[in-house]
């Protein structure tokens, strides 16, 4: 099971691959849409890649609740438990 730091680091790499944003910009308090300017199509790609990387399932109806990077880190952390 990955720590929250490992999840954040992994998510930052996934977001970087999808958007080209620097991994240092991907911080827990950042909003995917407002701060990082990630659209719904990119978000779905990020979710699919995160599911594969962390071996979790993120249902489509949960994705809309993942407003910030921290929300995603918490969700993945809890889903692994």
PDB file of N, CA and C in Angstrom:
ATOM      1  N   UNK A   1       0.843  -1.192   0.000  1.00  0.00           N
ATOM      2  CA  UNK A   1       0.000   0.000   0.000  1.00  0.00           C
ATOM      3  C   UNK A   1       0.883   1.248   0.000  1.00  0.00           C
ATOM      4  N   UNK A   2       0.570   2.168  -0.851  1.00  0.00           N
ATOM      5  CA  UNK A   2       1.379   3.384  -0.994  1.00  0.00           C
ATOM      6  C   UNK A   2       1.024   4.398   0.094  1.00  0.00           C
ATOM      7  N   UNK A   3       2.027   5.145   0.544  1.00  0.00           N
ATOM      8  CA  UNK A   3       1.785   6.240   1.487  1.00  0.00           C
ATOM      9  C   UNK A   3       1.173   7.412   0.732  1.00  0.00           C
ATOM     10  N   UNK A   4       0.636   8.379   1.482  1.00  0.00           N
ATOM     11  CA  UNK A   4       0.060   9.558   0.832  1.00  0.00           C
ATOM     12  C   UNK A   4       1.114  10.321   0.035  1.00  0.00           C
ATOM     13  N   UNK A   5       2.351  10.333   0.533  1.00  0.00           N
ATOM     14  CA  UNK A   5       3.424  11.002  -0.192  1.00  0.00           C
ATOM     15  C   UNK A   5       3.704  10.290  -1.515  1.00  0.00           C
ATOM     16  N   UNK A   6       3.697   8.946  -1.471  1.00  0.00           N
ATOM     17  CA  UNK A   6       3.924   8.172  -2.694  1.00  0.00           C
ATOM     18  C   UNK A   6       2.769   8.358  -3.678  1.00  0.00           C
ATOM     19  N   UNK A   7       1.546   8.430  -3.151  1.00  0.00           N
ATOM     20  CA  UNK A   7       0.379   8.653  -4.012  1.00  0.00           C
ATOM     21  C   UNK A   7       0.484  10.032  -4.665  1.00  0.00           C
ATOM     22  N   UNK A   8       0.810  11.049  -3.883  1.00  0.00           N
ATOM     23  CA  UNK A   8       0.945  12.404  -4.425  1.00  0.00           C
ATOM     24  C   UNK A   8       2.021  12.439  -5.507  1.00  0.00           C
ATOM     25  N   UNK A   9       3.141  11.816  -5.246  1.00  0.00           N
ATOM     26  CA  UNK A   9       4.235  11.784  -6.215  1.00  0.00           C
ATOM     27  C   UNK A   9       3.806  11.067  -7.491  1.00  0.00           C
ATOM     28  N   UNK A  10       3.126   9.937  -7.336  1.00  0.00           N
ATOM     29  CA  UNK A  10       2.648   9.180  -8.496  1.00  0.00           C
ATOM     30  C   UNK A  10       1.621   9.956  -9.290  1.00  0.00           C
ATOM     31  N   UNK A  11       0.699  10.609  -8.584  1.00  0.00           N
ATOM     32  CA  UNK A  11      -0.317  11.429  -9.262  1.00  0.00           C
ATOM     33  C   UNK A  11       0.347  12.574 -10.017  1.00  0.00           C
ATOM     34  N   UNK A  12       1.352  13.190  -9.405  1.00  0.00           N
ATOM     35  CA  UNK A  12       2.061  14.295 -10.049  1.00  0.00           C
ATOM     36  C   UNK A  12       2.697  13.820 -11.361  1.00  0.00           C
ATOM     37  N   UNK A  13       3.265  12.606 -11.344  1.00  0.00           N
ATOM     38  CA  UNK A  13       3.859  12.058 -12.567  1.00  0.00           C
ATOM     39  C   UNK A  13       2.788  11.816 -13.629  1.00  0.00           C
ATOM     40  N   UNK A  14       1.647  11.270 -13.220  1.00  0.00           N
ATOM     41  CA  UNK A  14       0.550  11.008 -14.154  1.00  0.00           C
ATOM     42  C   UNK A  14       0.044  12.318 -14.756  1.00  0.00           C
ATOM     43  N   UNK A  15      -0.169  13.328 -13.907  1.00  0.00           N
ATOM     44  CA  UNK A  15      -0.650  14.631 -14.391  1.00  0.00           C
ATOM     45  C   UNK A  15       0.389  15.252 -15.334  1.00  0.00           C
ATOM     46  N   UNK A  16       1.651  15.133 -14.983  1.00  0.00           N
ATOM     47  CA  UNK A  16       2.724  15.657 -15.832  1.00  0.00           C
ATOM     48  C   UNK A  16       2.701  14.998 -17.206  1.00  0.00           C
ATOM     49  N   UNK A  17       2.541  13.669 -17.246  1.00  0.00           N
ATOM     50  CA  UNK A  17       2.506  12.958 -18.523  1.00  0.00           C
ATOM     51  C   UNK A  17       1.310  13.401 -19.369  1.00  0.00           C
ATOM     52  N   UNK A  18       0.175  13.647 -18.714  1.00  0.00           N
ATOM     53  CA  UNK A  18      -1.052  14.003 -19.441  1.00  0.00           C
ATOM     54  C   UNK A  18      -1.067  15.467 -19.873  1.00  0.00           C
ATOM     55  N   UNK A  19      -0.537  16.365 -19.038  1.00  0.00           N
ATOM     56  CA  UNK A  19      -0.714  17.804 -19.278  1.00  0.00           C
ATOM     57  C   UNK A  19       0.580  18.561 -19.545  1.00  0.00           C
ATOM     58  N   UNK A  20       1.718  17.977 -19.161  1.00  0.00           N
ATOM     59  CA  UNK A  20       2.975  18.692 -19.293  1.00  0.00           C
ATOM     60  C   UNK A  20       3.266  19.639 -18.136  1.00  0.00           C
ATOM     61  N   UNK A  21       2.370  19.696 -17.148  1.00  0.00           N
ATOM     62  CA  UNK A  21       2.621  20.535 -15.970  1.00  0.00           C
ATOM     63  C   UNK A  21       3.806  19.982 -15.186  1.00  0.00           C
ATOM     64  N   UNK A  22       4.582  20.865 -14.593  1.00  0.00           N
ATOM     65  CA  UNK A  22       5.704  20.432 -13.761  1.00  0.00           C
ATOM     66  C   UNK A  22       5.169  19.676 -12.540  1.00  0.00           C
ATOM     67  N   UNK A  23       5.849  18.590 -12.172  1.00  0.00           N
ATOM     68  CA  UNK A  23       5.384  17.799 -11.026  1.00  0.00           C
ATOM     69  C   UNK A  23       5.356  18.629  -9.744  1.00  0.00           C
ATOM     70  N   UNK A  24       6.256  19.611  -9.613  1.00  0.00           N
ATOM     71  CA  UNK A  24       6.287  20.456  -8.410  1.00  0.00           C
ATOM     72  C   UNK A  24       5.010  21.290  -8.260  1.00  0.00           C
ATOM     73  N   UNK A  25       4.308  21.525  -9.374  1.00  0.00           N
ATOM     74  CA  UNK A  25       3.068  22.302  -9.318  1.00  0.00           C
ATOM     75  C   UNK A  25       1.896  21.492  -8.766  1.00  0.00           C
ATOM     76  N   UNK A  26       2.027  20.171  -8.773  1.00  0.00           N
ATOM     77  CA  UNK A  26       0.926  19.306  -8.370  1.00  0.00           C
ATOM     78  C   UNK A  26       0.982  19.140  -6.848  1.00  0.00           C
ATOM     79  N   UNK A  27       0.217  19.978  -6.150  1.00  0.00           N
ATOM     80  CA  UNK A  27       0.216  19.969  -4.686  1.00  0.00           C
ATOM     81  C   UNK A  27      -1.196  19.692  -4.188  1.00  0.00           C
ATOM     82  N   UNK A  28      -1.295  19.187  -2.953  1.00  0.00           N
ATOM     83  CA  UNK A  28      -2.581  18.714  -2.434  1.00  0.00           C
ATOM     84  C   UNK A  28      -3.672  19.770  -2.447  1.00  0.00           C
ATOM     85  N   UNK A  29      -3.327  21.026  -2.242  1.00  0.00           N
ATOM     86  CA  UNK A  29      -4.376  22.055  -2.158  1.00  0.00           C
ATOM     87  C   UNK A  29      -4.830  22.548  -3.533  1.00  0.00           C
ATOM     88  N   UNK A  30      -4.166  22.117  -4.589  1.00  0.00           N
ATOM     89  CA  UNK A  30      -4.491  22.605  -5.932  1.00  0.00           C
ATOM     90  C   UNK A  30      -5.775  21.963  -6.469  1.00  0.00           C
ATOM     91  N   UNK A  31      -6.615  22.799  -7.056  1.00  0.00           N
ATOM     92  CA  UNK A  31      -7.828  22.326  -7.732  1.00  0.00           C
ATOM     93  C   UNK A  31      -7.441  21.837  -9.126  1.00  0.00           C
ATOM     94  N   UNK A  32      -7.975  20.665  -9.500  1.00  0.00           N
ATOM     95  CA  UNK A  32      -7.674  20.142 -10.838  1.00  0.00           C
ATOM     96  C   UNK A  32      -8.137  21.115 -11.923  1.00  0.00           C
ATOM     97  N   UNK A  33      -9.350  21.666 -11.777  1.00  0.00           N
ATOM     98  CA  UNK A  33      -9.897  22.509 -12.847  1.00  0.00           C
ATOM     99  C   UNK A  33      -9.430  23.954 -12.736  1.00  0.00           C
ATOM    100  N   UNK A  34      -9.506  24.549 -11.547  1.00  0.00           N
ATOM    101  CA  UNK A  34      -9.213  25.970 -11.414  1.00  0.00           C
ATOM    102  C   UNK A  34      -7.721  26.279 -11.401  1.00  0.00           C
ATOM    103  N   UNK A  35      -6.943  25.513 -10.639  1.00  0.00           N
ATOM    104  CA  UNK A  35      -5.514  25.804 -10.517  1.00  0.00           C
ATOM    105  C   UNK A  35      -4.674  25.155 -11.620  1.00  0.00           C
ATOM    106  N   UNK A  36      -5.038  23.922 -11.969  1.00  0.00           N
ATOM    107  CA  UNK A  36      -4.215  23.160 -12.914  1.00  0.00           C
ATOM    108  C   UNK A  36      -4.793  23.154 -14.325  1.00  0.00           C
ATOM    109  N   UNK A  37      -6.008  23.703 -14.474  1.00  0.00           N
ATOM    110  CA  UNK A  37      -6.648  23.844 -15.790  1.00  0.00           C
ATOM    111  C   UNK A  37      -6.785  22.501 -16.518  1.00  0.00           C
ATOM    112  N   UNK A  38      -7.214  21.469 -15.778  1.00  0.00           N
ATOM    113  CA  UNK A  38      -7.385  20.139 -16.349  1.00  0.00           C
ATOM    114  C   UNK A  38      -8.848  19.967 -16.756  1.00  0.00           C
ATOM    115  N   UNK A  39      -9.077  19.622 -18.026  1.00  0.00           N
ATOM    116  CA  UNK A  39     -10.452  19.436 -18.496  1.00  0.00           C
ATOM    117  C   UNK A  39     -10.939  18.017 -18.193  1.00  0.00           C
ATOM    118  N   UNK A  40     -12.216  17.775 -18.459  1.00  0.00           N
ATOM    119  CA  UNK A  40     -12.826  16.495 -18.080  1.00  0.00           C
ATOM    120  C   UNK A  40     -12.217  15.315 -18.834  1.00  0.00           C
ATOM    121  N   UNK A  41     -11.813  15.527 -20.068  1.00  0.00           N
ATOM    122  CA  UNK A  41     -11.216  14.431 -20.834  1.00  0.00           C
ATOM    123  C   UNK A  41      -9.855  14.061 -20.247  1.00  0.00           C
ATOM    124  N   UNK A  42      -9.029  15.066 -19.971  1.00  0.00           N
ATOM    125  CA  UNK A  42      -7.729  14.794 -19.345  1.00  0.00           C
ATOM    126  C   UNK A  42      -7.922  14.167 -17.970  1.00  0.00           C
ATOM    127  N   UNK A  43      -8.938  14.633 -17.235  1.00  0.00           N
ATOM    128  CA  UNK A  43      -9.199  14.085 -15.897  1.00  0.00           C
ATOM    129  C   UNK A  43      -9.516  12.598 -15.976  1.00  0.00           C
ATOM    130  N   UNK A  44     -10.294  12.190 -16.962  1.00  0.00           N
ATOM    131  CA  UNK A  44     -10.631  10.767 -17.092  1.00  0.00           C
ATOM    132  C   UNK A  44      -9.374   9.949 -17.393  1.00  0.00           C
ATOM    133  N   UNK A  45      -8.488  10.481 -18.226  1.00  0.00           N
ATOM    134  CA  UNK A  45      -7.228   9.791 -18.512  1.00  0.00           C
ATOM    135  C   UNK A  45      -6.390   9.665 -17.244  1.00  0.00           C
ATOM    136  N   UNK A  46      -6.330  10.741 -16.476  1.00  0.00           N
ATOM    137  CA  UNK A  46      -5.587  10.732 -15.209  1.00  0.00           C
ATOM    138  C   UNK A  46      -6.176   9.684 -14.260  1.00  0.00           C
ATOM    139  N   UNK A  47      -7.505   9.628 -14.178  1.00  0.00           N
ATOM    140  CA  UNK A  47      -8.175   8.661 -13.300  1.00  0.00           C
ATOM    141  C   UNK A  47      -7.841   7.231 -13.724  1.00  0.00           C
ATOM    142  N   UNK A  48      -7.949   6.940 -15.022  1.00  0.00           N
ATOM    143  CA  UNK A  48      -7.653   5.586 -15.518  1.00  0.00           C
ATOM    144  C   UNK A  48      -6.206   5.205 -15.201  1.00  0.00           C
ATOM    145  N   UNK A  49      -5.280   6.131 -15.443  1.00  0.00           N
ATOM    146  CA  UNK A  49      -3.872   5.858 -15.154  1.00  0.00           C
ATOM    147  C   UNK A  49      -3.627   5.671 -13.659  1.00  0.00           C
ATOM    148  N   UNK A  50      -4.317   6.457 -12.833  1.00  0.00           N
ATOM    149  CA  UNK A  50      -4.179   6.318 -11.380  1.00  0.00           C
ATOM    150  C   UNK A  50      -4.743   4.976 -10.914  1.00  0.00           C
ATOM    151  N   UNK A  51      -5.864   4.558 -11.497  1.00  0.00           N
ATOM    152  CA  UNK A  51      -6.441   3.249 -11.139  1.00  0.00           C
ATOM    153  C   UNK A  51      -5.441   2.133 -11.420  1.00  0.00           C
ATOM    154  N   UNK A  52      -4.796   2.204 -12.583  1.00  0.00           N
ATOM    155  CA  UNK A  52      -3.815   1.174 -12.943  1.00  0.00           C
ATOM    156  C   UNK A  52      -2.595   1.232 -12.040  1.00  0.00           C
ATOM    157  N   UNK A  53      -2.096   2.431 -11.806  1.00  0.00           N
ATOM    158  CA  UNK A  53      -0.868   2.588 -11.025  1.00  0.00           C
ATOM    159  C   UNK A  53      -1.040   2.154  -9.571  1.00  0.00           C
ATOM    160  N   UNK A  54      -2.194   2.508  -8.977  1.00  0.00           N
ATOM    161  CA  UNK A  54      -2.389   2.250  -7.544  1.00  0.00           C
ATOM    162  C   UNK A  54      -3.305   1.063  -7.272  1.00  0.00           C
ATOM    163  N   UNK A  55      -3.744   0.377  -8.339  1.00  0.00           N
ATOM    164  CA  UNK A  55      -4.589  -0.806  -8.212  1.00  0.00           C
ATOM    165  C   UNK A  55      -5.846  -0.521  -7.393  1.00  0.00           C
ATOM    166  N   UNK A  56      -6.540   0.556  -7.771  1.00  0.00           N
ATOM    167  CA  UNK A  56      -7.808   0.920  -7.126  1.00  0.00           C
ATOM    168  C   UNK A  56      -8.851   1.146  -8.216  1.00  0.00           C
ATOM    169  N   UNK A  57     -10.115   1.192  -7.805  1.00  0.00           N
ATOM    170  CA  UNK A  57     -11.208   1.524  -8.725  1.00  0.00           C
ATOM    171  C   UNK A  57     -11.795   2.853  -8.276  1.00  0.00           C
ATOM    172  N   UNK A  58     -11.899   3.793  -9.204  1.00  0.00           N
ATOM    173  CA  UNK A  58     -12.508   5.092  -8.910  1.00  0.00           C
ATOM    174  C   UNK A  58     -13.763   5.191  -9.783  1.00  0.00           C
ATOM    175  N   UNK A  59     -14.945   4.928  -9.196  1.00  0.00           N
ATOM    176  CA  UNK A  59     -16.183   4.963  -9.991  1.00  0.00           C
ATOM    177  C   UNK A  59     -16.408   6.350 -10.600  1.00  0.00           C
ATOM    178  N   UNK A  60     -17.026   6.373 -11.790  1.00  0.00           N
ATOM    179  CA  UNK A  60     -17.277   7.641 -12.483  1.00  0.00           C
ATOM    180  C   UNK A  60     -17.998   8.644 -11.590  1.00  0.00           C
ATOM    181  N   UNK A  61     -18.951   8.167 -10.783  1.00  0.00           N
ATOM    182  CA  UNK A  61     -19.709   9.100  -9.935  1.00  0.00           C
ATOM    183  C   UNK A  61     -18.853   9.694  -8.815  1.00  0.00           C
ATOM    184  N   UNK A  62     -17.711   9.067  -8.511  1.00  0.00           N
ATOM    185  CA  UNK A  62     -16.795   9.611  -7.504  1.00  0.00           C
ATOM    186  C   UNK A  62     -15.858  10.661  -8.096  1.00  0.00           C
ATOM    187  N   UNK A  63     -15.594  10.567  -9.389  1.00  0.00           N
ATOM    188  CA  UNK A  63     -14.618  11.468 -10.009  1.00  0.00           C
ATOM    189  C   UNK A  63     -15.017  12.928  -9.807  1.00  0.00           C
ATOM    190  N   UNK A  64     -16.318  13.224  -9.897  1.00  0.00           N
ATOM    191  CA  UNK A  64     -16.768  14.615  -9.749  1.00  0.00           C
ATOM    192  C   UNK A  64     -16.523  15.149  -8.342  1.00  0.00           C
ATOM    193  N   UNK A  65     -16.321  14.265  -7.362  1.00  0.00           N
ATOM    194  CA  UNK A  65     -16.029  14.689  -5.990  1.00  0.00           C
ATOM    195  C   UNK A  65     -14.539  14.966  -5.772  1.00  0.00           C
ATOM    196  N   UNK A  66     -13.719  14.606  -6.733  1.00  0.00           N
ATOM    197  CA  UNK A  66     -12.274  14.805  -6.611  1.00  0.00           C
ATOM    198  C   UNK A  66     -11.926  16.185  -7.167  1.00  0.00           C
ATOM    199  N   UNK A  67     -12.168  17.194  -6.348  1.00  0.00           N
ATOM    200  CA  UNK A  67     -11.967  18.581  -6.785  1.00  0.00           C
ATOM    201  C   UNK A  67     -10.496  18.995  -6.720  1.00  0.00           C
ATOM    202  N   UNK A  68      -9.805  18.539  -5.678  1.00  0.00           N
ATOM    203  CA  UNK A  68      -8.403  18.920  -5.501  1.00  0.00           C
ATOM    204  C   UNK A  68      -7.506  17.688  -5.593  1.00  0.00           C
ATOM    205  N   UNK A  69      -6.229  17.945  -5.755  1.00  0.00           N
ATOM    206  CA  UNK A  69      -5.251  16.862  -5.762  1.00  0.00           C
ATOM    207  C   UNK A  69      -5.330  16.103  -4.435  1.00  0.00           C
ATOM    208  N   UNK A  70      -5.514  16.834  -3.332  1.00  0.00           N
ATOM    209  CA  UNK A  70      -5.636  16.199  -2.015  1.00  0.00           C
ATOM    210  C   UNK A  70      -6.830  15.266  -1.928  1.00  0.00           C
ATOM    211  N   UNK A  71      -7.958  15.655  -2.548  1.00  0.00           N
ATOM    212  CA  UNK A  71      -9.133  14.778  -2.577  1.00  0.00           C
ATOM    213  C   UNK A  71      -8.780  13.447  -3.239  1.00  0.00           C
ATOM    214  N   UNK A  72      -8.056  13.522  -4.348  1.00  0.00           N
ATOM    215  CA  UNK A  72      -7.672  12.304  -5.081  1.00  0.00           C
ATOM    216  C   UNK A  72      -6.712  11.458  -4.255  1.00  0.00           C
ATOM    217  N   UNK A  73      -5.743  12.112  -3.607  1.00  0.00           N
ATOM    218  CA  UNK A  73      -4.790  11.388  -2.759  1.00  0.00           C
ATOM    219  C   UNK A  73      -5.533  10.659  -1.644  1.00  0.00           C
ATOM    220  N   UNK A  74      -6.455  11.361  -0.970  1.00  0.00           N
ATOM    221  CA  UNK A  74      -7.230  10.750   0.118  1.00  0.00           C
ATOM    222  C   UNK A  74      -8.067   9.588  -0.382  1.00  0.00           C
ATOM    223  N   UNK A  75      -8.728   9.784  -1.526  1.00  0.00           N
ATOM    224  CA  UNK A  75      -9.590   8.723  -2.076  1.00  0.00           C
ATOM    225  C   UNK A  75      -8.772   7.473  -2.380  1.00  0.00           C
ATOM    226  N   UNK A  76      -7.650   7.658  -3.062  1.00  0.00           N
ATOM    227  CA  UNK A  76      -6.811   6.518  -3.427  1.00  0.00           C
ATOM    228  C   UNK A  76      -6.266   5.831  -2.176  1.00  0.00           C
ATOM    229  N   UNK A  77      -5.847   6.641  -1.204  1.00  0.00           N
ATOM    230  CA  UNK A  77      -5.328   6.088   0.050  1.00  0.00           C
ATOM    231  C   UNK A  77      -6.390   5.230   0.750  1.00  0.00           C
ATOM    232  N   UNK A  78      -7.598   5.744   0.822  1.00  0.00           N
ATOM    233  CA  UNK A  78      -8.696   5.005   1.475  1.00  0.00           C
ATOM    234  C   UNK A  78      -9.103   3.774   0.663  1.00  0.00           C
ATOM    235  N   UNK A  79      -9.059   3.881  -0.670  1.00  0.00           N
ATOM    236  CA  UNK A  79      -9.459   2.769  -1.525  1.00  0.00           C
ATOM    237  C   UNK A  79      -8.469   1.611  -1.427  1.00  0.00           C
ATOM    238  N   UNK A  80      -7.225   1.899  -1.088  1.00  0.00           N
ATOM    239  CA  UNK A  80      -6.205   0.849  -0.947  1.00  0.00           C
ATOM    240  C   UNK A  80      -6.353   0.089   0.364  1.00  0.00           C
ATOM    241  N   UNK A  81      -6.942   0.748   1.348  1.00  0.00           N
ATOM    242  CA  UNK A  81      -6.989   0.162   2.706  1.00  0.00           C
ATOM    243  C   UNK A  81      -7.895  -1.071   2.745  1.00  0.00           C
TER     244      UNK A  81
END
